[in-house]
Amino acid sequence: MSKPLSILQGRFGRVALLEMDRSLVTHAHRDCHVLLKFSGADTAFDVRGRTCRLTDATAVLVNAWEPHAYTHGDHAPQTVILALYIDPTWLGMIDPRLLCSGHSQFFPRPCVYVTREICESTLLLGSRMLLGDIVSTQEAEIAVFNLMIRVIDAFSDRKVLCREKPPLVVSDHRIRRVLRYMRKTLGEPFDTRTLAKIAGLSRPHFFAQFKRNTGLTPSLFLNTIRMEAATRILIESEEPLSGVALGLGFDAHSNFTRFFRQHQGVTPSEYRRATQVFA
């Protein structure tokens, strides 16, 4: 079974060292997402309709809100993955030119060959996480930034994108209205007919506009913000898992656990135990 070896969470977002032996469903993150192999067998992710190999020599890069999935072969050996979910706002606080890391075209290629410096930084950060050697907020942020900036400098389009006016994530005011409603009613039953009515569109037109504006289907967007809320609540509160599940719209604790594992690879209780929080 997949398990979390160590998770760091802070203003930067989160960094997870995960021992993976099961596939993940198609999902997305609001963060700039980098996947690096720490140890174990080679594996692969599905990004932009292609299979992206994750090996000692390659990394998988996923833009904010970009759908992707993890494919772990049947009976394949485990892979230890260092997964970075980095908040573009935090990067922008360090250097305003890095705010474009939230752009949908920030990483032009989803699979790249890593440099020696990135390999060394991956091993260093992963090893420190395993040893519990990162004990302060400053240490965590420096370690995460040092690895992330090497990836950005080598593989992003930031020099082009930072000169452009950042595009609105959602330009259609009708879809923005739906997104606000979805966030406010996260724990209520999901009904696409209601969403289409709020947008003032027919269901086919609503689905088309939603996908055009967000890059996701309504259900995939809902799953993304549910996971985002779940990881935050698990760390910021001591609420029992049954209460977390109910607040997020799951009628049973077991359904929430299954959902969380399908998207994160680990159970909510494992995630909570493995996470080290930095203010």
Protein backbone atom coordinates (compact mmCIF):
# COMPACT_ATOMS: atom_id res chain seq x y z
CA MET A 1 0.00 0.00 0.00
CA SER A 2 1.21 3.54 -0.77
CA LYS A 3 2.33 5.52 2.25
CA PRO A 4 3.62 9.01 3.07
CA LEU A 5 7.19 9.04 4.33
CA SER A 6 7.23 12.76 5.13
CA ILE A 7 5.16 15.83 4.23
CA LEU A 8 6.10 19.48 4.73
CA GLN A 9 3.34 22.09 4.64
CA GLY A 10 3.71 25.86 4.90
CA ARG A 11 3.33 29.13 3.04
CA PHE A 12 5.14 27.54 0.11
CA GLY A 13 2.36 24.96 -0.29
CA ARG A 14 3.48 21.43 0.45
CA VAL A 15 6.19 18.95 -0.40
CA ALA A 16 5.49 15.24 -0.03
CA LEU A 17 7.84 12.28 -0.05
CA LEU A 18 5.54 9.41 -1.03
CA GLU A 19 6.15 5.71 -1.44
CA MET A 20 3.74 4.85 -4.25
CA ASP A 21 2.46 1.46 -5.36
CA ARG A 22 -1.02 2.33 -6.62
CA SER A 23 -2.45 4.49 -9.40
CA LEU A 24 -4.25 7.81 -8.88
CA VAL A 25 -7.35 9.00 -10.71
CA THR A 26 -7.30 12.05 -12.97
CA HIS A 27 -7.03 15.12 -10.74
CA ALA A 28 -5.64 18.64 -10.64
CA HIS A 29 -4.10 21.19 -8.24
CA ARG A 30 -4.18 24.96 -8.07
CA ASP A 31 -0.43 24.82 -7.41
CA CYS A 32 2.60 24.62 -9.66
CA HIS A 33 3.36 20.89 -9.51
CA VAL A 34 6.75 19.17 -9.90
CA LEU A 35 7.32 15.41 -9.65
CA LEU A 36 10.79 13.98 -9.10
CA LYS A 37 11.93 10.43 -8.51
CA PHE A 38 13.75 9.97 -5.19
CA SER A 39 14.33 6.21 -5.30
CA GLY A 40 12.85 2.89 -6.40
CA ALA A 41 11.52 1.83 -9.78
CA ASP A 42 10.85 4.04 -12.79
CA THR A 43 7.19 4.96 -13.24
CA ALA A 44 4.92 7.28 -15.27
CA PHE A 45 2.26 9.99 -15.13
CA ASP A 46 -0.38 10.87 -17.72
CA VAL A 47 -0.24 14.58 -18.64
CA ARG A 48 -1.71 16.31 -21.71
CA GLY A 49 -2.77 13.01 -23.20
CA ARG A 50 0.69 11.48 -23.16
CA THR A 51 2.60 9.12 -20.91
CA CYS A 52 5.41 10.97 -19.13
CA ARG A 53 8.13 8.73 -17.71
CA LEU A 54 9.50 9.52 -14.25
CA THR A 55 13.03 8.16 -13.94
CA ASP A 56 16.40 9.02 -12.41
CA ALA A 57 17.00 11.21 -15.46
CA THR A 58 13.56 12.80 -15.95
CA ALA A 59 10.99 14.91 -14.11
CA VAL A 60 7.28 15.44 -14.72
CA LEU A 61 6.02 19.04 -14.70
CA VAL A 62 2.33 19.89 -14.30
CA ASN A 63 0.92 23.40 -14.63
CA ALA A 64 -1.61 24.85 -12.21
CA TRP A 65 -5.11 23.40 -12.73
CA GLU A 66 -3.79 20.96 -15.35
CA PRO A 67 -5.48 17.51 -15.24
CA HIS A 68 -3.11 14.58 -14.76
CA ALA A 69 -3.12 11.02 -13.45
CA TYR A 70 -0.64 8.56 -12.01
CA THR A 71 -0.29 5.11 -13.55
CA HIS A 72 1.37 2.41 -11.45
CA GLY A 73 1.65 -0.89 -13.28
CA ASP A 74 0.12 -4.03 -11.83
CA HIS A 75 2.66 -5.83 -9.63
CA ALA A 76 5.23 -3.11 -10.37
CA PRO A 77 7.72 -2.35 -7.58
CA GLN A 78 7.33 0.74 -5.42
CA THR A 79 8.57 4.18 -6.36
CA VAL A 80 9.47 6.93 -3.88
CA ILE A 81 8.39 10.25 -5.38
CA LEU A 82 9.25 13.74 -4.22
CA ALA A 83 6.15 15.77 -5.14
CA LEU A 84 6.17 19.56 -4.91
CA TYR A 85 2.91 21.51 -4.84
CA ILE A 86 4.13 25.09 -4.81
CA ASP A 87 1.89 28.13 -4.30
CA PRO A 88 2.52 30.73 -7.04
CA THR A 89 1.64 33.49 -4.58
CA TRP A 90 4.51 32.44 -2.30
CA LEU A 91 6.92 32.46 -5.22
CA GLY A 92 5.59 35.90 -6.19
CA MET A 93 6.29 37.18 -2.68
CA ILE A 94 9.94 36.22 -3.12
CA ASP A 95 10.18 37.58 -6.66
CA PRO A 96 7.17 39.23 -8.36
CA ARG A 97 8.38 37.82 -11.68
CA LEU A 98 7.64 34.32 -10.36
CA LEU A 99 3.93 35.02 -9.94
CA CYS A 100 3.53 33.73 -13.49
CA SER A 101 4.20 30.22 -12.11
CA GLY A 102 0.41 30.03 -11.82
CA HIS A 103 0.07 30.41 -15.60
CA SER A 104 -1.45 27.54 -17.55
CA GLN A 105 1.56 27.53 -19.90
CA PHE A 106 4.32 28.03 -17.33
CA PHE A 107 5.92 24.66 -18.10
CA PRO A 108 5.79 24.20 -21.89
CA ARG A 109 6.86 20.52 -21.67
CA PRO A 110 5.42 18.02 -19.20
CA CYS A 111 8.44 15.68 -19.27
CA VAL A 112 12.04 16.91 -19.13
CA TYR A 113 15.56 15.61 -18.57
CA VAL A 114 16.83 16.88 -15.23
CA THR A 115 20.19 18.51 -14.62
CA ARG A 116 22.80 17.20 -12.22
CA GLU A 117 22.05 20.10 -9.86
CA ILE A 118 18.34 19.18 -9.74
CA CYS A 119 19.18 15.53 -9.04
CA GLU A 120 21.47 16.55 -6.18
CA SER A 121 18.88 18.95 -4.74
CA THR A 122 16.19 16.26 -4.95
CA LEU A 123 18.31 13.77 -3.03
CA LEU A 124 19.28 16.41 -0.46
CA LEU A 125 15.72 17.60 0.25
CA GLY A 126 14.27 14.07 0.28
CA SER A 127 17.02 12.82 2.61
CA ARG A 128 16.53 15.72 5.02
CA MET A 129 12.80 15.02 5.07
CA LEU A 130 13.39 11.35 5.85
CA LEU A 131 15.76 12.25 8.68
CA GLY A 132 13.47 14.93 10.11
CA ASP A 133 16.35 17.36 9.66
CA ILE A 134 14.23 20.37 8.66
CA VAL A 135 13.04 21.94 11.90
CA SER A 136 12.32 25.63 11.18
CA THR A 137 10.19 27.61 8.77
CA GLN A 138 13.26 29.34 7.35
CA GLU A 139 15.02 26.04 6.70
CA ALA A 140 11.93 24.60 5.01
CA GLU A 141 11.39 27.61 2.75
CA ILE A 142 15.04 27.83 1.73
CA ALA A 143 15.23 24.11 0.96
CA VAL A 144 12.03 24.17 -1.10
CA PHE A 145 12.96 27.34 -2.97
CA ASN A 146 16.47 26.13 -3.82
CA LEU A 147 15.06 23.08 -5.58
CA MET A 148 12.11 24.87 -7.16
CA ILE A 149 14.14 27.72 -8.64
CA ARG A 150 16.49 25.24 -10.33
CA VAL A 151 13.49 23.61 -11.99
CA ILE A 152 12.01 26.99 -12.96
CA ASP A 153 15.25 28.33 -14.41
CA ALA A 154 15.80 25.19 -16.47
CA PHE A 155 12.33 24.40 -17.78
CA SER A 156 9.81 27.25 -17.43
CA ASP A 157 8.73 29.99 -19.84
CA ARG A 158 8.86 32.60 -17.08
CA LYS A 159 11.02 35.06 -19.05
CA VAL A 160 8.30 35.29 -21.68
CA LEU A 161 5.27 35.03 -19.41
CA CYS A 162 6.45 37.57 -16.80
CA ARG A 163 6.38 40.26 -19.50
CA GLU A 164 2.76 39.52 -20.30
CA LYS A 165 -0.25 40.75 -18.36
CA PRO A 166 -1.41 37.68 -16.42
CA PRO A 167 -4.60 36.39 -18.04
CA LEU A 168 -7.75 36.03 -15.99
CA VAL A 169 -8.13 32.45 -14.90
CA VAL A 170 -11.86 32.71 -15.63
CA SER A 171 -13.02 35.41 -18.03
CA ASP A 172 -16.72 34.50 -18.21
CA HIS A 173 -18.63 36.19 -15.36
CA ARG A 174 -21.28 33.44 -15.49
CA ILE A 175 -18.68 30.78 -14.76
CA ARG A 176 -17.13 32.93 -12.03
CA ARG A 177 -20.56 33.06 -10.42
CA VAL A 178 -20.77 29.26 -10.53
CA LEU A 179 -17.30 28.88 -9.02
CA ARG A 180 -18.24 31.13 -6.10
CA TYR A 181 -21.34 29.04 -5.52
CA MET A 182 -19.37 25.78 -5.65
CA ARG A 183 -16.91 27.03 -3.05
CA LYS A 184 -19.68 28.20 -0.72
CA THR A 185 -21.63 24.93 -0.98
CA LEU A 186 -18.74 22.47 -0.87
CA GLY A 187 -20.54 20.16 1.53
CA GLU A 188 -23.81 20.04 -0.38
CA PRO A 189 -24.87 17.51 -3.05
CA PHE A 190 -23.38 18.11 -6.48
CA ASP A 191 -26.01 18.92 -9.13
CA THR A 192 -25.00 20.08 -12.62
CA ARG A 193 -28.55 21.18 -13.40
CA THR A 194 -28.36 23.69 -10.54
CA LEU A 195 -24.97 24.92 -11.71
CA ALA A 196 -26.23 25.42 -15.27
CA LYS A 197 -29.24 27.32 -13.92
CA ILE A 198 -26.99 29.61 -11.86
CA ALA A 199 -24.95 30.30 -14.98
CA GLY A 200 -28.13 30.93 -16.96
CA LEU A 201 -27.06 28.44 -19.62
CA SER A 202 -28.30 25.17 -21.04
CA ARG A 203 -26.46 22.14 -19.67
CA PRO A 204 -24.48 21.46 -22.91
CA HIS A 205 -23.53 25.15 -23.22
CA PHE A 206 -22.63 25.31 -19.52
CA PHE A 207 -20.33 22.28 -19.76
CA ALA A 208 -18.61 23.74 -22.82
CA GLN A 209 -18.12 27.17 -21.21
CA PHE A 210 -16.91 25.69 -17.93
CA LYS A 211 -14.28 23.56 -19.68
CA ARG A 212 -13.23 26.47 -21.90
CA ASN A 213 -12.73 28.77 -18.88
CA THR A 214 -11.19 26.39 -16.35
CA GLY A 215 -9.73 23.55 -18.39
CA LEU A 216 -11.65 21.15 -16.15
CA THR A 217 -15.07 19.54 -16.02
CA PRO A 218 -17.35 20.70 -13.17
CA SER A 219 -16.89 17.42 -11.31
CA LEU A 220 -13.09 17.54 -11.65
CA PHE A 221 -13.04 21.13 -10.42
CA LEU A 222 -15.21 20.14 -7.45
CA ASN A 223 -12.87 17.26 -6.61
CA THR A 224 -9.90 19.64 -6.77
CA ILE A 225 -11.32 22.14 -4.30
CA ARG A 226 -12.58 19.32 -2.08
CA MET A 227 -9.08 17.88 -1.85
CA GLU A 228 -7.68 21.34 -1.23
CA ALA A 229 -10.13 21.86 1.62
CA ALA A 230 -9.51 18.37 3.01
CA THR A 231 -5.73 18.75 3.25
CA ARG A 232 -6.15 22.14 4.92
CA ILE A 233 -8.73 20.95 7.49
CA LEU A 234 -6.76 17.81 8.33
CA ILE A 235 -3.73 19.89 9.26
CA GLU A 236 -5.32 23.01 10.75
CA SER A 237 -7.78 21.20 13.02
CA GLU A 238 -8.13 18.11 15.15
CA GLU A 239 -11.64 17.43 13.89
CA PRO A 240 -12.45 13.70 13.68
CA LEU A 241 -12.34 12.26 10.17
CA SER A 242 -16.06 11.58 10.29
CA GLY A 243 -16.70 15.30 10.81
CA VAL A 244 -14.29 16.27 8.03
CA ALA A 245 -16.06 13.85 5.70
CA LEU A 246 -19.51 15.19 6.54
CA GLY A 247 -18.42 18.81 6.12
CA LEU A 248 -17.10 18.05 2.64
CA GLY A 249 -20.29 16.37 1.47
CA PHE A 250 -19.46 12.69 1.99
CA ASP A 251 -22.21 10.59 3.50
CA ALA A 252 -19.77 8.11 5.04
CA HIS A 253 -16.26 8.22 6.46
CA SER A 254 -15.28 5.27 4.25
CA ASN A 255 -16.30 7.15 1.09
CA PHE A 256 -14.13 10.13 2.11
CA THR A 257 -11.16 7.83 2.81
CA ARG A 258 -11.56 6.15 -0.59
CA PHE A 259 -11.80 9.53 -2.34
CA PHE A 260 -8.72 10.87 -0.53
CA ARG A 261 -6.65 7.76 -1.32
CA GLN A 262 -7.67 7.85 -5.00
CA HIS A 263 -6.44 11.45 -5.29
CA GLN A 264 -3.53 11.52 -2.84
CA GLY A 265 -2.39 7.91 -2.70
CA VAL A 266 -2.65 7.76 1.11
CA THR A 267 -5.45 7.81 3.68
CA PRO A 268 -6.48 11.01 5.51
CA SER A 269 -5.20 9.67 8.83
CA GLU A 270 -1.81 8.79 7.28
CA TYR A 271 -1.62 12.23 5.72
CA ARG A 272 -2.37 13.91 9.05
CA ARG A 273 0.27 11.88 10.92
CA ALA A 274 3.01 12.40 8.34
CA THR A 275 2.65 16.16 7.89
CA GLN A 276 5.00 18.66 9.53
CA VAL A 277 3.53 22.15 9.53
CA PHE A 278 5.56 25.33 9.28
CA ALA A 279 3.93 28.62 10.22
